[in-house]
Amino acid sequence: MTSPTKMSDEALTYTIKDLMEVIEAQVVAWDGHGRDVTRGALKAAFDRVADATNWKNPIRKVICEEQLELTAYAVEFFTGSKLMVKQDLGFGRVLVEAVGYYAAVGA
């Protein structure tokens, strides 16, 4: 077996990629309807609302109401803050806000 220090960059990258796939496939919750929720699904939901410059900043986004449950769980999972509906915009859209990671942890 090759020691980690003698592995090529390509082999090491492949190993990290495999690890990330395993992590993203981990079931971390259930959606209340008996379905598994993976870390990857939470990350995708969180990435849709997180501040593009710094994920730890406050959140203020318009999302589809049908995404609310998963997005709320994702925000709490990654930041520790609660996602709040600030306004129902109609047509299945809602304005949501959360204080973000920095405020949630007191940083």
C-alpha atoms as a PDB file:
ATOM      1  CA  MET A   1       0.000   0.000   0.000  1.00  0.00           C
ATOM      2  CA  THR A   2       1.278   3.463  -0.861  1.00  0.00           C
ATOM      3  CA  SER A   3       1.769   5.831   2.028  1.00  0.00           C
ATOM      4  CA  PRO A   4      -0.291   9.051   1.930  1.00  0.00           C
ATOM      5  CA  THR A   5       2.844  11.155   1.494  1.00  0.00           C
ATOM      6  CA  LYS A   6       3.737   9.280  -1.717  1.00  0.00           C
ATOM      7  CA  MET A   7       0.265   9.430  -3.298  1.00  0.00           C
ATOM      8  CA  SER A   8      -0.102  11.491  -6.433  1.00  0.00           C
ATOM      9  CA  ASP A   9      -2.162  14.692  -6.307  1.00  0.00           C
ATOM     10  CA  GLU A  10      -4.728  13.032  -8.582  1.00  0.00           C
ATOM     11  CA  ALA A  11      -5.185  10.076  -6.211  1.00  0.00           C
ATOM     12  CA  LEU A  12      -5.473  12.388  -3.213  1.00  0.00           C
ATOM     13  CA  THR A  13      -8.055  14.576  -4.976  1.00  0.00           C
ATOM     14  CA  TYR A  14     -10.071  11.504  -5.904  1.00  0.00           C
ATOM     15  CA  THR A  15     -10.047  10.357  -2.284  1.00  0.00           C
ATOM     16  CA  ILE A  16     -11.279  13.745  -1.049  1.00  0.00           C
ATOM     17  CA  LYS A  17     -13.995  13.756  -3.716  1.00  0.00           C
ATOM     18  CA  ASP A  18     -15.138  10.319  -2.590  1.00  0.00           C
ATOM     19  CA  LEU A  19     -15.208  11.460   1.031  1.00  0.00           C
ATOM     20  CA  MET A  20     -17.314  14.502   0.148  1.00  0.00           C
ATOM     21  CA  GLU A  21     -19.802  12.269  -1.683  1.00  0.00           C
ATOM     22  CA  VAL A  22     -20.099  10.075   1.407  1.00  0.00           C
ATOM     23  CA  ILE A  23     -20.592  13.102   3.671  1.00  0.00           C
ATOM     24  CA  GLU A  24     -23.234  14.637   1.388  1.00  0.00           C
ATOM     25  CA  ALA A  25     -25.118  11.317   1.283  1.00  0.00           C
ATOM     26  CA  GLN A  26     -25.329  11.060   5.091  1.00  0.00           C
ATOM     27  CA  VAL A  27     -28.871  11.125   6.411  1.00  0.00           C
ATOM     28  CA  VAL A  28     -28.985  13.858   9.045  1.00  0.00           C
ATOM     29  CA  ALA A  29     -32.729  14.325   9.521  1.00  0.00           C
ATOM     30  CA  TRP A  30     -36.237  13.273   8.562  1.00  0.00           C
ATOM     31  CA  ASP A  31     -38.660  15.661   6.957  1.00  0.00           C
ATOM     32  CA  GLY A  32     -41.720  14.910   9.078  1.00  0.00           C
ATOM     33  CA  HIS A  33     -43.254  12.927   6.225  1.00  0.00           C
ATOM     34  CA  GLY A  34     -41.119   9.831   6.785  1.00  0.00           C
ATOM     35  CA  ARG A  35     -38.459  10.736   4.222  1.00  0.00           C
ATOM     36  CA  ASP A  36     -34.726  10.920   4.857  1.00  0.00           C
ATOM     37  CA  VAL A  37     -32.957  14.257   4.483  1.00  0.00           C
ATOM     38  CA  THR A  38     -29.289  14.146   3.514  1.00  0.00           C
ATOM     39  CA  ARG A  39     -26.583  16.644   4.350  1.00  0.00           C
ATOM     40  CA  GLY A  40     -26.318  17.280   0.612  1.00  0.00           C
ATOM     41  CA  ALA A  41     -29.999  18.249   0.397  1.00  0.00           C
ATOM     42  CA  LEU A  42     -29.577  20.593   3.368  1.00  0.00           C
ATOM     43  CA  LYS A  43     -26.462  22.135   1.817  1.00  0.00           C
ATOM     44  CA  ALA A  44     -28.284  22.749  -1.472  1.00  0.00           C
ATOM     45  CA  ALA A  45     -31.204  24.398   0.368  1.00  0.00           C
ATOM     46  CA  PHE A  46     -28.849  26.481   2.503  1.00  0.00           C
ATOM     47  CA  ASP A  47     -26.740  27.566  -0.466  1.00  0.00           C
ATOM     48  CA  ARG A  48     -29.876  29.014  -2.109  1.00  0.00           C
ATOM     49  CA  VAL A  49     -30.381  31.459   0.777  1.00  0.00           C
ATOM     50  CA  ALA A  50     -26.906  31.999   2.253  1.00  0.00           C
ATOM     51  CA  ASP A  51     -25.069  35.277   1.703  1.00  0.00           C
ATOM     52  CA  ALA A  52     -22.782  34.697  -1.296  1.00  0.00           C
ATOM     53  CA  THR A  53     -19.907  36.666   0.251  1.00  0.00           C
ATOM     54  CA  ASN A  54     -19.997  35.019   3.693  1.00  0.00           C
ATOM     55  CA  TRP A  55     -22.330  32.195   4.709  1.00  0.00           C
ATOM     56  CA  LYS A  56     -22.157  33.338   8.354  1.00  0.00           C
ATOM     57  CA  ASN A  57     -23.889  36.667   7.621  1.00  0.00           C
ATOM     58  CA  PRO A  58     -27.598  37.324   8.176  1.00  0.00           C
ATOM     59  CA  ILE A  59     -30.027  35.868   5.643  1.00  0.00           C
ATOM     60  CA  ARG A  60     -32.737  37.752   3.745  1.00  0.00           C
ATOM     61  CA  LYS A  61     -34.154  36.016   0.655  1.00  0.00           C
ATOM     62  CA  VAL A  62     -37.323  35.333  -1.274  1.00  0.00           C
ATOM     63  CA  ILE A  63     -38.012  31.606  -1.642  1.00  0.00           C
ATOM     64  CA  CYS A  64     -40.801  29.339  -2.822  1.00  0.00           C
ATOM     65  CA  GLU A  65     -43.146  28.505   0.014  1.00  0.00           C
ATOM     66  CA  GLU A  66     -42.818  24.800  -0.833  1.00  0.00           C
ATOM     67  CA  GLN A  67     -39.090  25.035   0.054  1.00  0.00           C
ATOM     68  CA  LEU A  68     -39.741  26.610   3.449  1.00  0.00           C
ATOM     69  CA  GLU A  69     -39.611  23.513   5.662  1.00  0.00           C
ATOM     70  CA  LEU A  70     -36.352  22.154   4.235  1.00  0.00           C
ATOM     71  CA  THR A  71     -34.759  25.611   4.038  1.00  0.00           C
ATOM     72  CA  ALA A  72     -35.665  26.407   7.652  1.00  0.00           C
ATOM     73  CA  TYR A  73     -34.084  23.169   8.820  1.00  0.00           C
ATOM     74  CA  ALA A  74     -31.000  23.807   6.677  1.00  0.00           C
ATOM     75  CA  VAL A  75     -30.505  27.313   8.091  1.00  0.00           C
ATOM     76  CA  GLU A  76     -30.758  26.006  11.648  1.00  0.00           C
ATOM     77  CA  PHE A  77     -28.462  23.063  10.855  1.00  0.00           C
ATOM     78  CA  PHE A  78     -25.673  25.243   9.440  1.00  0.00           C
ATOM     79  CA  THR A  79     -26.039  28.496  11.423  1.00  0.00           C
ATOM     80  CA  GLY A  80     -27.945  27.726  14.606  1.00  0.00           C
ATOM     81  CA  SER A  81     -30.351  30.551  13.787  1.00  0.00           C
ATOM     82  CA  LYS A  82     -34.078  30.326  13.077  1.00  0.00           C
ATOM     83  CA  LEU A  83     -35.500  31.163   9.660  1.00  0.00           C
ATOM     84  CA  MET A  84     -38.522  33.433   9.988  1.00  0.00           C
ATOM     85  CA  VAL A  85     -41.137  34.275   7.376  1.00  0.00           C
ATOM     86  CA  LYS A  86     -41.213  38.072   7.265  1.00  0.00           C
ATOM     87  CA  GLN A  87     -43.763  38.497   4.508  1.00  0.00           C
ATOM     88  CA  ASP A  88     -46.040  36.379   2.344  1.00  0.00           C
ATOM     89  CA  LEU A  89     -45.548  37.822  -1.131  1.00  0.00           C
ATOM     90  CA  GLY A  90     -48.297  35.752  -2.725  1.00  0.00           C
ATOM     91  CA  PHE A  91     -47.995  33.396  -5.683  1.00  0.00           C
ATOM     92  CA  GLY A  92     -46.244  30.842  -3.457  1.00  0.00           C
ATOM     93  CA  ARG A  93     -43.327  33.152  -2.564  1.00  0.00           C
ATOM     94  CA  VAL A  94     -42.238  34.268   0.915  1.00  0.00           C
ATOM     95  CA  LEU A  95     -39.602  36.655   2.199  1.00  0.00           C
ATOM     96  CA  VAL A  96     -37.494  34.947   4.874  1.00  0.00           C
ATOM     97  CA  GLU A  97     -34.844  36.193   7.284  1.00  0.00           C
ATOM     98  CA  ALA A  98     -32.444  34.729   9.842  1.00  0.00           C
ATOM     99  CA  VAL A  99     -29.852  36.407  12.047  1.00  0.00           C
ATOM    100  CA  GLY A 100     -27.107  34.116  10.721  1.00  0.00           C
ATOM    101  CA  TYR A 101     -24.237  32.219  12.295  1.00  0.00           C
ATOM    102  CA  TYR A 102     -22.346  35.160  13.847  1.00  0.00           C
ATOM    103  CA  ALA A 103     -25.378  36.410  15.792  1.00  0.00           C
ATOM    104  CA  ALA A 104     -26.561  32.902  16.689  1.00  0.00           C
ATOM    105  CA  VAL A 105     -23.260  31.967  18.326  1.00  0.00           C
ATOM    106  CA  GLY A 106     -22.593  35.406  19.799  1.00  0.00           C
ATOM    107  CA  ALA A 107     -19.551  36.200  17.689  1.00  0.00           C
END
